[in-house]
Amino acid sequence: MPSAPGAPHRTIGVLLFDGVEELDAVGPWEVLAWWTQRFPEDGWRVLTLSRDGQPVTAAKGMVLGAQTSAADCPALDVLLHPGGRGTRPLARDEEHLAWVREQRASVPLMTSVCTGSLVYAAAGLLAGRPATTHWGAVDELRALDPSVDVREEARFVDDGDVVTSSGVSAGIDMALHLVVRLAGADRARAVRRGVQYDPQPPV
């Protein structure tokens, strides 16, 4: 539902880190930014954050700039944790895992793309819950937490306050699903048309 005039924005944060898969972050960003900028009356905004607020070097060499640091980030209503090869060290980084758990305690909706779900599993967020990840990381997800109900064929899995999506381009589908949840199906259809996302694979 649209926010009342003058109401504060609700905030979606897209996490950036070294080794993030470019499309994991930029695909959802395109969907969410198109929505929030074209329909400001809905009362949402999206921003990027990194641990220290500095730019990161993504998996294939693209340099992505963060708008804020984890410490200075405003309170989030949605956190989106992308995947990429950088998630493997993050899944062993106790400081990062502690930060993820802190977010879980205060952020109403936690979402991930691709191997971002590995970090959530390592932090204990997916215990006993359905989730998905990139097809190539299914065994890693099961090894991190055998209690996870891994839905390896799902494009995304919505389990209420946690939404996980499978690999790379699936983050676009998941982001459109978030628009449905947060602003309705008509709005999501407008966004899908706006970004001209109507995949018909050539092969």
N, C-alpha and C. Protein backbone atom coordinates (compact mmCIF):
# COMPACT_ATOMS: atom_id res chain seq x y z
N MET A 1 0.84 -1.19 0.00
CA MET A 1 0.00 0.00 0.00
C MET A 1 0.88 1.25 0.00
N PRO A 2 0.49 2.32 -0.73
CA PRO A 2 1.27 3.54 -0.71
C PRO A 2 1.34 4.13 0.69
N SER A 3 2.46 4.82 0.97
CA SER A 3 2.63 5.48 2.25
C SER A 3 1.86 6.79 2.25
N ALA A 4 1.51 7.25 3.43
CA ALA A 4 0.88 8.55 3.55
C ALA A 4 1.86 9.64 3.18
N PRO A 5 1.38 10.79 2.65
CA PRO A 5 2.28 11.87 2.29
C PRO A 5 3.15 12.27 3.47
N GLY A 6 4.44 12.41 3.22
CA GLY A 6 5.35 12.83 4.27
C GLY A 6 5.83 11.70 5.17
N ALA A 7 5.33 10.50 4.96
CA ALA A 7 5.75 9.37 5.78
C ALA A 7 7.18 9.00 5.42
N PRO A 8 7.96 8.52 6.39
CA PRO A 8 9.33 8.12 6.09
C PRO A 8 9.37 6.92 5.16
N HIS A 9 10.41 6.86 4.35
CA HIS A 9 10.56 5.74 3.44
C HIS A 9 10.92 4.47 4.20
N ARG A 10 10.42 3.36 3.69
CA ARG A 10 10.92 2.06 4.12
C ARG A 10 12.08 1.70 3.19
N THR A 11 13.04 0.97 3.72
CA THR A 11 14.33 0.83 3.04
C THR A 11 14.69 -0.61 2.74
N ILE A 12 15.12 -0.84 1.50
CA ILE A 12 15.67 -2.11 1.06
C ILE A 12 17.17 -1.92 0.89
N GLY A 13 17.96 -2.76 1.53
CA GLY A 13 19.40 -2.68 1.41
C GLY A 13 19.95 -3.83 0.59
N VAL A 14 20.77 -3.52 -0.42
CA VAL A 14 21.45 -4.53 -1.23
C VAL A 14 22.91 -4.56 -0.79
N LEU A 15 23.33 -5.68 -0.23
CA LEU A 15 24.68 -5.80 0.29
C LEU A 15 25.68 -6.02 -0.84
N LEU A 16 26.80 -5.31 -0.78
CA LEU A 16 27.91 -5.48 -1.71
C LEU A 16 29.14 -5.96 -0.96
N PHE A 17 29.95 -6.78 -1.61
CA PHE A 17 31.17 -7.29 -1.00
C PHE A 17 32.11 -7.75 -2.11
N ASP A 18 33.39 -7.82 -1.82
CA ASP A 18 34.33 -8.30 -2.82
C ASP A 18 33.96 -9.72 -3.24
N GLY A 19 33.94 -9.95 -4.54
CA GLY A 19 33.58 -11.26 -5.06
C GLY A 19 32.10 -11.46 -5.25
N VAL A 20 31.29 -10.42 -5.06
CA VAL A 20 29.85 -10.54 -5.32
C VAL A 20 29.63 -10.80 -6.81
N GLU A 21 28.70 -11.67 -7.13
CA GLU A 21 28.35 -11.89 -8.54
C GLU A 21 27.58 -10.67 -9.04
N GLU A 22 28.05 -10.08 -10.13
CA GLU A 22 27.50 -8.81 -10.58
C GLU A 22 25.99 -8.82 -10.72
N LEU A 23 25.45 -9.77 -11.47
CA LEU A 23 24.02 -9.76 -11.75
C LEU A 23 23.19 -10.09 -10.50
N ASP A 24 23.79 -10.81 -9.55
CA ASP A 24 23.09 -11.08 -8.29
C ASP A 24 22.65 -9.79 -7.61
N ALA A 25 23.51 -8.79 -7.69
CA ALA A 25 23.22 -7.50 -7.05
C ALA A 25 22.53 -6.54 -8.01
N VAL A 26 23.05 -6.44 -9.23
CA VAL A 26 22.57 -5.42 -10.17
C VAL A 26 21.21 -5.77 -10.76
N GLY A 27 20.93 -7.08 -10.95
CA GLY A 27 19.63 -7.47 -11.47
C GLY A 27 18.49 -7.05 -10.54
N PRO A 28 18.53 -7.47 -9.27
CA PRO A 28 17.51 -7.00 -8.34
C PRO A 28 17.51 -5.48 -8.17
N TRP A 29 18.71 -4.89 -8.17
CA TRP A 29 18.78 -3.43 -8.05
C TRP A 29 17.98 -2.75 -9.16
N GLU A 30 18.14 -3.23 -10.40
CA GLU A 30 17.42 -2.63 -11.53
C GLU A 30 15.92 -2.69 -11.30
N VAL A 31 15.42 -3.85 -10.89
CA VAL A 31 13.99 -4.01 -10.65
C VAL A 31 13.53 -3.09 -9.52
N LEU A 32 14.23 -3.14 -8.40
CA LEU A 32 13.79 -2.42 -7.20
C LEU A 32 13.96 -0.91 -7.36
N ALA A 33 15.05 -0.50 -8.01
CA ALA A 33 15.26 0.94 -8.22
C ALA A 33 14.25 1.50 -9.22
N TRP A 34 13.96 0.74 -10.28
CA TRP A 34 12.95 1.19 -11.24
C TRP A 34 11.63 1.40 -10.53
N TRP A 35 11.24 0.44 -9.71
CA TRP A 35 10.00 0.55 -8.95
C TRP A 35 10.01 1.76 -8.01
N THR A 36 11.01 1.85 -7.16
CA THR A 36 10.98 2.88 -6.11
C THR A 36 11.13 4.28 -6.67
N GLN A 37 11.86 4.42 -7.79
CA GLN A 37 12.04 5.75 -8.37
C GLN A 37 10.84 6.17 -9.22
N ARG A 38 10.20 5.22 -9.88
CA ARG A 38 9.05 5.56 -10.72
C ARG A 38 7.76 5.70 -9.89
N PHE A 39 7.73 5.06 -8.75
CA PHE A 39 6.54 5.08 -7.90
C PHE A 39 6.90 5.48 -6.47
N PRO A 40 7.40 6.69 -6.29
CA PRO A 40 7.81 7.12 -4.94
C PRO A 40 6.65 7.14 -3.95
N GLU A 41 5.44 7.23 -4.47
CA GLU A 41 4.27 7.24 -3.58
C GLU A 41 4.10 5.92 -2.83
N ASP A 42 4.78 4.87 -3.29
CA ASP A 42 4.71 3.60 -2.56
C ASP A 42 5.49 3.64 -1.26
N GLY A 43 6.39 4.61 -1.14
CA GLY A 43 7.07 4.82 0.14
C GLY A 43 8.28 3.95 0.38
N TRP A 44 8.91 3.44 -0.69
CA TRP A 44 10.08 2.59 -0.55
C TRP A 44 11.29 3.23 -1.22
N ARG A 45 12.46 2.89 -0.73
CA ARG A 45 13.71 3.26 -1.37
C ARG A 45 14.65 2.07 -1.30
N VAL A 46 15.65 2.04 -2.20
CA VAL A 46 16.63 0.96 -2.20
C VAL A 46 18.02 1.60 -2.21
N LEU A 47 18.93 1.03 -1.44
CA LEU A 47 20.30 1.54 -1.39
C LEU A 47 21.27 0.37 -1.32
N THR A 48 22.53 0.68 -1.63
CA THR A 48 23.59 -0.32 -1.54
C THR A 48 24.46 -0.02 -0.33
N LEU A 49 24.93 -1.09 0.30
CA LEU A 49 25.83 -0.94 1.44
C LEU A 49 26.95 -1.96 1.35
N SER A 50 28.11 -1.60 1.86
CA SER A 50 29.21 -2.54 2.01
C SER A 50 29.69 -2.44 3.45
N ARG A 51 30.56 -3.34 3.85
CA ARG A 51 31.00 -3.38 5.25
C ARG A 51 31.53 -2.03 5.69
N ASP A 52 32.40 -1.41 4.87
CA ASP A 52 33.03 -0.16 5.25
C ASP A 52 32.57 1.04 4.43
N GLY A 53 31.59 0.82 3.56
CA GLY A 53 31.10 1.91 2.72
C GLY A 53 31.94 2.18 1.49
N GLN A 54 32.99 1.39 1.29
CA GLN A 54 33.89 1.59 0.16
C GLN A 54 33.44 0.74 -1.03
N PRO A 55 33.91 1.10 -2.24
CA PRO A 55 33.59 0.28 -3.41
C PRO A 55 34.11 -1.15 -3.25
N VAL A 56 33.49 -2.08 -3.96
CA VAL A 56 33.92 -3.47 -3.95
C VAL A 56 34.25 -3.89 -5.38
N THR A 57 35.08 -4.92 -5.50
CA THR A 57 35.39 -5.49 -6.80
C THR A 57 34.61 -6.79 -6.93
N ALA A 58 33.71 -6.83 -7.90
CA ALA A 58 32.82 -7.98 -8.06
C ALA A 58 33.54 -9.14 -8.73
N ALA A 59 32.84 -10.26 -8.86
CA ALA A 59 33.45 -11.52 -9.27
C ALA A 59 34.15 -11.45 -10.63
N LYS A 60 33.62 -10.67 -11.54
CA LYS A 60 34.20 -10.60 -12.89
C LYS A 60 34.93 -9.29 -13.13
N GLY A 61 35.21 -8.55 -12.05
CA GLY A 61 36.04 -7.37 -12.17
C GLY A 61 35.31 -6.04 -12.15
N MET A 62 33.99 -6.03 -12.22
CA MET A 62 33.26 -4.76 -12.16
C MET A 62 33.41 -4.15 -10.76
N VAL A 63 33.66 -2.87 -10.72
CA VAL A 63 33.76 -2.16 -9.45
C VAL A 63 32.41 -1.52 -9.15
N LEU A 64 31.86 -1.85 -8.00
CA LEU A 64 30.55 -1.36 -7.60
C LEU A 64 30.69 -0.46 -6.38
N GLY A 65 30.05 0.70 -6.43
CA GLY A 65 30.12 1.63 -5.33
C GLY A 65 28.97 1.46 -4.35
N ALA A 66 29.29 1.50 -3.08
CA ALA A 66 28.26 1.43 -2.05
C ALA A 66 27.85 2.84 -1.63
N GLN A 67 26.59 2.99 -1.28
CA GLN A 67 26.09 4.30 -0.85
C GLN A 67 26.30 4.54 0.63
N THR A 68 26.50 3.48 1.40
CA THR A 68 26.68 3.63 2.83
C THR A 68 27.42 2.41 3.37
N SER A 69 27.84 2.52 4.61
CA SER A 69 28.50 1.40 5.28
C SER A 69 27.48 0.65 6.13
N ALA A 70 27.86 -0.53 6.58
CA ALA A 70 26.99 -1.30 7.46
C ALA A 70 26.70 -0.53 8.74
N ALA A 71 27.71 0.18 9.25
CA ALA A 71 27.54 0.91 10.50
C ALA A 71 26.61 2.11 10.34
N ASP A 72 26.68 2.76 9.18
CA ASP A 72 25.90 3.99 8.96
C ASP A 72 24.58 3.77 8.24
N CYS A 73 24.31 2.53 7.87
CA CYS A 73 23.10 2.23 7.12
C CYS A 73 21.86 2.51 7.96
N PRO A 74 20.85 3.14 7.40
CA PRO A 74 19.60 3.31 8.15
C PRO A 74 18.96 1.96 8.43
N ALA A 75 18.02 1.94 9.35
CA ALA A 75 17.31 0.70 9.67
C ALA A 75 16.67 0.14 8.40
N LEU A 76 16.85 -1.15 8.18
CA LEU A 76 16.35 -1.80 6.97
C LEU A 76 15.02 -2.50 7.23
N ASP A 77 14.20 -2.50 6.20
CA ASP A 77 12.97 -3.29 6.21
C ASP A 77 13.15 -4.57 5.41
N VAL A 78 14.09 -4.54 4.46
CA VAL A 78 14.43 -5.70 3.66
C VAL A 78 15.94 -5.69 3.46
N LEU A 79 16.58 -6.85 3.67
CA LEU A 79 18.00 -7.01 3.32
C LEU A 79 18.10 -8.02 2.20
N LEU A 80 18.86 -7.68 1.16
CA LEU A 80 19.12 -8.59 0.05
C LEU A 80 20.61 -8.93 0.05
N HIS A 81 20.91 -10.20 0.28
CA HIS A 81 22.30 -10.68 0.32
C HIS A 81 22.58 -11.44 -0.97
N PRO A 82 23.36 -10.86 -1.89
CA PRO A 82 23.67 -11.55 -3.14
C PRO A 82 24.65 -12.71 -2.89
N GLY A 83 24.92 -13.45 -3.97
CA GLY A 83 25.89 -14.53 -3.92
C GLY A 83 27.15 -14.17 -4.68
N GLY A 84 27.85 -15.20 -5.09
CA GLY A 84 29.13 -15.02 -5.78
C GLY A 84 30.23 -15.73 -5.01
N ARG A 85 31.43 -15.81 -5.62
CA ARG A 85 32.51 -16.53 -4.96
C ARG A 85 32.91 -15.90 -3.63
N GLY A 86 32.58 -14.62 -3.46
CA GLY A 86 32.89 -13.95 -2.20
C GLY A 86 32.08 -14.45 -1.02
N THR A 87 31.04 -15.25 -1.29
CA THR A 87 30.25 -15.75 -0.16
C THR A 87 30.98 -16.85 0.61
N ARG A 88 31.90 -17.56 -0.03
CA ARG A 88 32.59 -18.64 0.69
C ARG A 88 33.39 -18.11 1.87
N PRO A 89 34.24 -17.09 1.69
CA PRO A 89 34.90 -16.54 2.88
C PRO A 89 33.93 -15.91 3.87
N LEU A 90 32.85 -15.30 3.36
CA LEU A 90 31.88 -14.69 4.27
C LEU A 90 31.19 -15.74 5.13
N ALA A 91 30.98 -16.93 4.59
CA ALA A 91 30.33 -18.00 5.35
C ALA A 91 31.22 -18.54 6.47
N ARG A 92 32.50 -18.14 6.45
CA ARG A 92 33.43 -18.52 7.53
C ARG A 92 33.87 -17.33 8.36
N ASP A 93 33.34 -16.17 8.05
CA ASP A 93 33.75 -14.92 8.70
C ASP A 93 32.81 -14.65 9.88
N GLU A 94 33.31 -14.87 11.10
CA GLU A 94 32.44 -14.76 12.26
C GLU A 94 31.90 -13.34 12.45
N GLU A 95 32.68 -12.34 12.06
CA GLU A 95 32.19 -10.96 12.17
C GLU A 95 31.00 -10.74 11.23
N HIS A 96 31.12 -11.26 10.01
CA HIS A 96 30.01 -11.09 9.06
C HIS A 96 28.80 -11.90 9.50
N LEU A 97 29.01 -13.12 9.96
CA LEU A 97 27.89 -13.95 10.40
C LEU A 97 27.18 -13.31 11.58
N ALA A 98 27.94 -12.70 12.49
CA ALA A 98 27.32 -12.01 13.63
C ALA A 98 26.48 -10.84 13.13
N TRP A 99 26.99 -10.12 12.12
CA TRP A 99 26.22 -9.00 11.56
C TRP A 99 24.93 -9.49 10.92
N VAL A 100 25.00 -10.60 10.19
CA VAL A 100 23.80 -11.17 9.57
C VAL A 100 22.77 -11.53 10.65
N ARG A 101 23.23 -12.13 11.74
CA ARG A 101 22.31 -12.49 12.83
C ARG A 101 21.70 -11.24 13.46
N GLU A 102 22.48 -10.18 13.57
CA GLU A 102 21.94 -8.92 14.09
C GLU A 102 20.85 -8.39 13.17
N GLN A 103 21.07 -8.49 11.87
CA GLN A 103 20.05 -8.04 10.93
C GLN A 103 18.79 -8.88 11.07
N ARG A 104 18.96 -10.18 11.23
CA ARG A 104 17.80 -11.07 11.38
C ARG A 104 16.95 -10.65 12.56
N ALA A 105 17.58 -10.14 13.60
CA ALA A 105 16.85 -9.74 14.81
C ALA A 105 16.03 -8.48 14.60
N SER A 106 16.39 -7.67 13.60
CA SER A 106 15.71 -6.38 13.44
C SER A 106 15.08 -6.16 12.07
N VAL A 107 15.50 -6.90 11.06
CA VAL A 107 15.00 -6.69 9.70
C VAL A 107 13.84 -7.65 9.44
N PRO A 108 12.68 -7.13 9.07
CA PRO A 108 11.51 -8.00 8.91
C PRO A 108 11.62 -9.03 7.79
N LEU A 109 12.34 -8.69 6.71
CA LEU A 109 12.40 -9.58 5.56
C LEU A 109 13.84 -9.74 5.09
N MET A 110 14.35 -10.96 5.19
CA MET A 110 15.72 -11.28 4.76
C MET A 110 15.63 -12.04 3.44
N THR A 111 16.37 -11.59 2.44
CA THR A 111 16.33 -12.24 1.13
C THR A 111 17.76 -12.52 0.65
N SER A 112 17.88 -13.50 -0.23
CA SER A 112 19.19 -13.81 -0.78
C SER A 112 19.06 -14.22 -2.23
N VAL A 113 20.17 -14.07 -2.96
CA VAL A 113 20.27 -14.51 -4.34
C VAL A 113 21.43 -15.49 -4.42
N CYS A 114 21.23 -16.60 -5.16
CA CYS A 114 22.31 -17.51 -5.46
C CYS A 114 22.95 -18.03 -4.16
N THR A 115 24.27 -17.95 -4.04
CA THR A 115 24.95 -18.49 -2.87
C THR A 115 24.90 -17.57 -1.65
N GLY A 116 24.14 -16.49 -1.73
CA GLY A 116 23.87 -15.73 -0.52
C GLY A 116 23.21 -16.60 0.53
N SER A 117 22.47 -17.62 0.08
CA SER A 117 21.82 -18.52 1.03
C SER A 117 22.83 -19.35 1.82
N LEU A 118 24.04 -19.55 1.29
CA LEU A 118 25.07 -20.25 2.05
C LEU A 118 25.44 -19.46 3.30
N VAL A 119 25.51 -18.15 3.16
CA VAL A 119 25.82 -17.30 4.31
C VAL A 119 24.69 -17.37 5.33
N TYR A 120 23.47 -17.32 4.84
CA TYR A 120 22.33 -17.42 5.76
C TYR A 120 22.33 -18.76 6.48
N ALA A 121 22.65 -19.84 5.76
CA ALA A 121 22.71 -21.15 6.40
C ALA A 121 23.81 -21.19 7.45
N ALA A 122 24.97 -20.64 7.12
CA ALA A 122 26.09 -20.63 8.06
C ALA A 122 25.76 -19.83 9.31
N ALA A 123 24.92 -18.81 9.15
CA ALA A 123 24.51 -17.97 10.28
C ALA A 123 23.36 -18.58 11.07
N GLY A 124 22.82 -19.70 10.59
CA GLY A 124 21.74 -20.38 11.30
C GLY A 124 20.35 -19.90 10.94
N LEU A 125 20.23 -19.10 9.88
CA LEU A 125 18.93 -18.50 9.54
C LEU A 125 18.00 -19.47 8.82
N LEU A 126 18.55 -20.53 8.26
CA LEU A 126 17.73 -21.42 7.43
C LEU A 126 17.43 -22.75 8.11
N ALA A 127 17.75 -22.89 9.36
CA ALA A 127 17.56 -24.17 10.04
C ALA A 127 16.10 -24.61 9.99
N GLY A 128 15.88 -25.80 9.44
CA GLY A 128 14.53 -26.36 9.37
C GLY A 128 13.61 -25.68 8.39
N ARG A 129 14.15 -24.86 7.50
CA ARG A 129 13.32 -24.09 6.59
C ARG A 129 13.58 -24.49 5.15
N PRO A 130 12.61 -24.27 4.25
CA PRO A 130 12.85 -24.48 2.82
C PRO A 130 13.68 -23.32 2.27
N ALA A 131 14.56 -23.65 1.33
CA ALA A 131 15.42 -22.63 0.73
C ALA A 131 16.00 -23.16 -0.57
N THR A 132 16.57 -22.27 -1.36
CA THR A 132 17.24 -22.68 -2.59
C THR A 132 18.53 -21.91 -2.75
N THR A 133 19.28 -22.28 -3.78
CA THR A 133 20.57 -21.65 -4.07
C THR A 133 20.92 -21.98 -5.52
N HIS A 134 22.08 -21.55 -5.96
CA HIS A 134 22.57 -21.92 -7.29
C HIS A 134 22.67 -23.44 -7.39
N TRP A 135 22.35 -24.00 -8.55
CA TRP A 135 22.37 -25.46 -8.70
C TRP A 135 23.73 -26.06 -8.35
N GLY A 136 24.79 -25.30 -8.61
CA GLY A 136 26.12 -25.82 -8.33
C GLY A 136 26.52 -25.78 -6.86
N ALA A 137 25.68 -25.17 -6.03
CA ALA A 137 26.00 -25.04 -4.61
C ALA A 137 25.03 -25.79 -3.72
N VAL A 138 24.18 -26.63 -4.32
CA VAL A 138 23.18 -27.37 -3.55
C VAL A 138 23.83 -28.24 -2.47
N ASP A 139 24.89 -28.95 -2.84
CA ASP A 139 25.55 -29.82 -1.86
C ASP A 139 26.20 -29.00 -0.74
N GLU A 140 26.74 -27.84 -1.08
CA GLU A 140 27.32 -26.97 -0.05
C GLU A 140 26.26 -26.51 0.93
N LEU A 141 25.09 -26.17 0.42
CA LEU A 141 24.01 -25.73 1.30
C LEU A 141 23.61 -26.85 2.24
N ARG A 142 23.47 -28.05 1.71
CA ARG A 142 23.10 -29.19 2.55
C ARG A 142 24.18 -29.49 3.59
N ALA A 143 25.43 -29.33 3.21
CA ALA A 143 26.53 -29.61 4.14
C ALA A 143 26.58 -28.57 5.26
N LEU A 144 26.29 -27.32 4.94
CA LEU A 144 26.31 -26.27 5.96
C LEU A 144 25.23 -26.49 7.01
N ASP A 145 24.04 -26.94 6.58
CA ASP A 145 22.96 -27.19 7.52
C ASP A 145 22.06 -28.28 6.95
N PRO A 146 22.26 -29.53 7.38
CA PRO A 146 21.47 -30.63 6.84
C PRO A 146 19.97 -30.51 7.11
N SER A 147 19.58 -29.62 8.03
CA SER A 147 18.15 -29.48 8.32
C SER A 147 17.41 -28.64 7.29
N VAL A 148 18.14 -27.96 6.41
CA VAL A 148 17.50 -27.12 5.39
C VAL A 148 16.77 -28.01 4.39
N ASP A 149 15.54 -27.65 4.07
CA ASP A 149 14.76 -28.33 3.05
C ASP A 149 15.11 -27.68 1.71
N VAL A 150 16.09 -28.24 1.03
CA VAL A 150 16.63 -27.61 -0.18
C VAL A 150 15.70 -27.87 -1.37
N ARG A 151 15.20 -26.80 -1.94
CA ARG A 151 14.32 -26.87 -3.12
C ARG A 151 15.16 -26.53 -4.36
N GLU A 152 15.91 -27.51 -4.84
CA GLU A 152 16.90 -27.22 -5.88
C GLU A 152 16.31 -26.85 -7.23
N GLU A 153 15.05 -27.17 -7.48
CA GLU A 153 14.44 -26.84 -8.77
C GLU A 153 13.70 -25.51 -8.73
N ALA A 154 13.57 -24.91 -7.57
CA ALA A 154 12.77 -23.68 -7.43
C ALA A 154 13.54 -22.46 -7.92
N ARG A 155 12.84 -21.58 -8.59
CA ARG A 155 13.45 -20.30 -9.00
C ARG A 155 13.67 -19.43 -7.77
N PHE A 156 12.70 -19.41 -6.89
CA PHE A 156 12.86 -18.77 -5.59
C PHE A 156 11.93 -19.46 -4.61
N VAL A 157 12.23 -19.32 -3.33
CA VAL A 157 11.43 -19.92 -2.27
C VAL A 157 11.05 -18.83 -1.28
N ASP A 158 9.76 -18.60 -1.13
CA ASP A 158 9.24 -17.61 -0.18
C ASP A 158 8.78 -18.34 1.07
N ASP A 159 9.50 -18.15 2.15
CA ASP A 159 9.12 -18.77 3.42
C ASP A 159 8.75 -17.70 4.44
N GLY A 160 8.00 -16.72 3.98
CA GLY A 160 7.50 -15.68 4.87
C GLY A 160 8.51 -14.58 5.11
N ASP A 161 9.27 -14.68 6.19
CA ASP A 161 10.23 -13.62 6.51
C ASP A 161 11.62 -13.90 5.94
N VAL A 162 11.76 -14.98 5.19
CA VAL A 162 13.01 -15.29 4.48
C VAL A 162 12.65 -15.74 3.06
N VAL A 163 13.27 -15.09 2.08
CA VAL A 163 13.08 -15.46 0.67
C VAL A 163 14.45 -15.72 0.07
N THR A 164 14.65 -16.91 -0.48
CA THR A 164 15.90 -17.24 -1.14
C THR A 164 15.62 -17.49 -2.62
N SER A 165 16.61 -17.19 -3.46
CA SER A 165 16.44 -17.47 -4.88
C SER A 165 17.63 -18.26 -5.39
N SER A 166 17.44 -18.89 -6.52
CA SER A 166 18.51 -19.70 -7.09
C SER A 166 19.50 -18.80 -7.83
N GLY A 167 20.20 -19.34 -8.82
CA GLY A 167 21.37 -18.65 -9.32
C GLY A 167 21.15 -17.43 -10.19
N VAL A 168 21.96 -16.45 -9.93
CA VAL A 168 22.23 -15.27 -10.75
C VAL A 168 20.97 -14.58 -11.27
N SER A 169 20.50 -14.93 -12.47
CA SER A 169 19.36 -14.22 -13.06
C SER A 169 18.07 -14.45 -12.28
N ALA A 170 18.01 -15.49 -11.44
CA ALA A 170 16.82 -15.73 -10.64
C ALA A 170 16.56 -14.59 -9.66
N GLY A 171 17.59 -13.81 -9.37
CA GLY A 171 17.39 -12.66 -8.49
C GLY A 171 16.43 -11.64 -9.08
N ILE A 172 16.34 -11.57 -10.39
CA ILE A 172 15.38 -10.67 -11.04
C ILE A 172 13.96 -11.15 -10.76
N ASP A 173 13.75 -12.45 -10.91
CA ASP A 173 12.43 -13.00 -10.62
C ASP A 173 12.05 -12.77 -9.15
N MET A 174 13.03 -13.01 -8.28
CA MET A 174 12.77 -12.82 -6.85
C MET A 174 12.45 -11.36 -6.54
N ALA A 175 13.17 -10.43 -7.18
CA ALA A 175 12.92 -9.02 -6.94
C ALA A 175 11.52 -8.62 -7.40
N LEU A 176 11.08 -9.15 -8.54
CA LEU A 176 9.72 -8.87 -8.99
C LEU A 176 8.70 -9.45 -8.01
N HIS A 177 9.01 -10.62 -7.45
CA HIS A 177 8.14 -11.19 -6.42
C HIS A 177 8.09 -10.29 -5.20
N LEU A 178 9.21 -9.68 -4.84
CA LEU A 178 9.20 -8.74 -3.72
C LEU A 178 8.29 -7.55 -4.01
N VAL A 179 8.32 -7.07 -5.25
CA VAL A 179 7.43 -5.96 -5.60
C VAL A 179 5.97 -6.39 -5.44
N VAL A 180 5.66 -7.63 -5.85
CA VAL A 180 4.30 -8.14 -5.65
C VAL A 180 3.95 -8.09 -4.16
N ARG A 181 4.85 -8.59 -3.32
CA ARG A 181 4.58 -8.63 -1.89
C ARG A 181 4.44 -7.24 -1.29
N LEU A 182 5.27 -6.32 -1.72
CA LEU A 182 5.34 -5.02 -1.07
C LEU A 182 4.42 -3.97 -1.68
N ALA A 183 4.04 -4.16 -2.95
CA ALA A 183 3.23 -3.13 -3.62
C ALA A 183 2.13 -3.68 -4.50
N GLY A 184 2.04 -5.00 -4.66
CA GLY A 184 0.95 -5.58 -5.41
C GLY A 184 1.32 -6.04 -6.81
N ALA A 185 0.52 -6.93 -7.35
CA ALA A 185 0.81 -7.54 -8.65
C ALA A 185 0.75 -6.54 -9.79
N ASP A 186 -0.17 -5.58 -9.74
CA ASP A 186 -0.25 -4.59 -10.82
C ASP A 186 1.03 -3.77 -10.90
N ARG A 187 1.56 -3.40 -9.73
CA ARG A 187 2.81 -2.64 -9.71
C ARG A 187 3.95 -3.47 -10.27
N ALA A 188 4.00 -4.74 -9.89
CA ALA A 188 5.07 -5.61 -10.38
C ALA A 188 4.98 -5.78 -11.89
N ARG A 189 3.77 -5.87 -12.43
CA ARG A 189 3.62 -5.98 -13.88
C ARG A 189 4.13 -4.71 -14.56
N ALA A 190 3.86 -3.56 -13.96
CA ALA A 190 4.35 -2.30 -14.53
C ALA A 190 5.88 -2.26 -14.52
N VAL A 191 6.47 -2.73 -13.44
CA VAL A 191 7.93 -2.76 -13.36
C VAL A 191 8.51 -3.74 -14.38
N ARG A 192 7.92 -4.92 -14.48
CA ARG A 192 8.41 -5.90 -15.45
C ARG A 192 8.37 -5.34 -16.86
N ARG A 193 7.30 -4.65 -17.19
CA ARG A 193 7.21 -4.04 -18.52
C ARG A 193 8.22 -2.91 -18.65
N GLY A 194 8.41 -2.15 -17.58
CA GLY A 194 9.34 -1.03 -17.62
C GLY A 194 10.77 -1.46 -17.89
N VAL A 195 11.19 -2.56 -17.27
CA VAL A 195 12.55 -3.05 -17.50
C VAL A 195 12.61 -4.04 -18.66
N GLN A 196 11.46 -4.26 -19.30
CA GLN A 196 11.29 -5.15 -20.45
C GLN A 196 11.89 -6.52 -20.16
N TYR A 197 11.44 -7.11 -19.06
CA TYR A 197 11.90 -8.45 -18.68
C TYR A 197 10.84 -9.45 -19.09
N ASP A 198 11.11 -10.14 -20.18
CA ASP A 198 10.19 -11.14 -20.70
C ASP A 198 11.04 -12.21 -21.36
N PRO A 199 11.73 -13.00 -20.54
CA PRO A 199 12.78 -13.87 -21.09
C PRO A 199 12.24 -14.95 -22.02
N GLN A 200 12.87 -15.04 -23.18
CA GLN A 200 12.63 -16.11 -24.14
C GLN A 200 14.00 -16.60 -24.59
N PRO A 201 14.56 -17.54 -23.85
CA PRO A 201 15.95 -17.95 -24.13
C PRO A 201 16.14 -18.37 -25.60
N PRO A 202 17.24 -17.92 -26.23
CA PRO A 202 17.47 -18.23 -27.64
C PRO A 202 17.97 -19.65 -27.86
N VAL A 203 18.37 -20.34 -26.78
CA VAL A 203 18.87 -21.72 -26.94
C VAL A 203 18.20 -22.64 -25.95
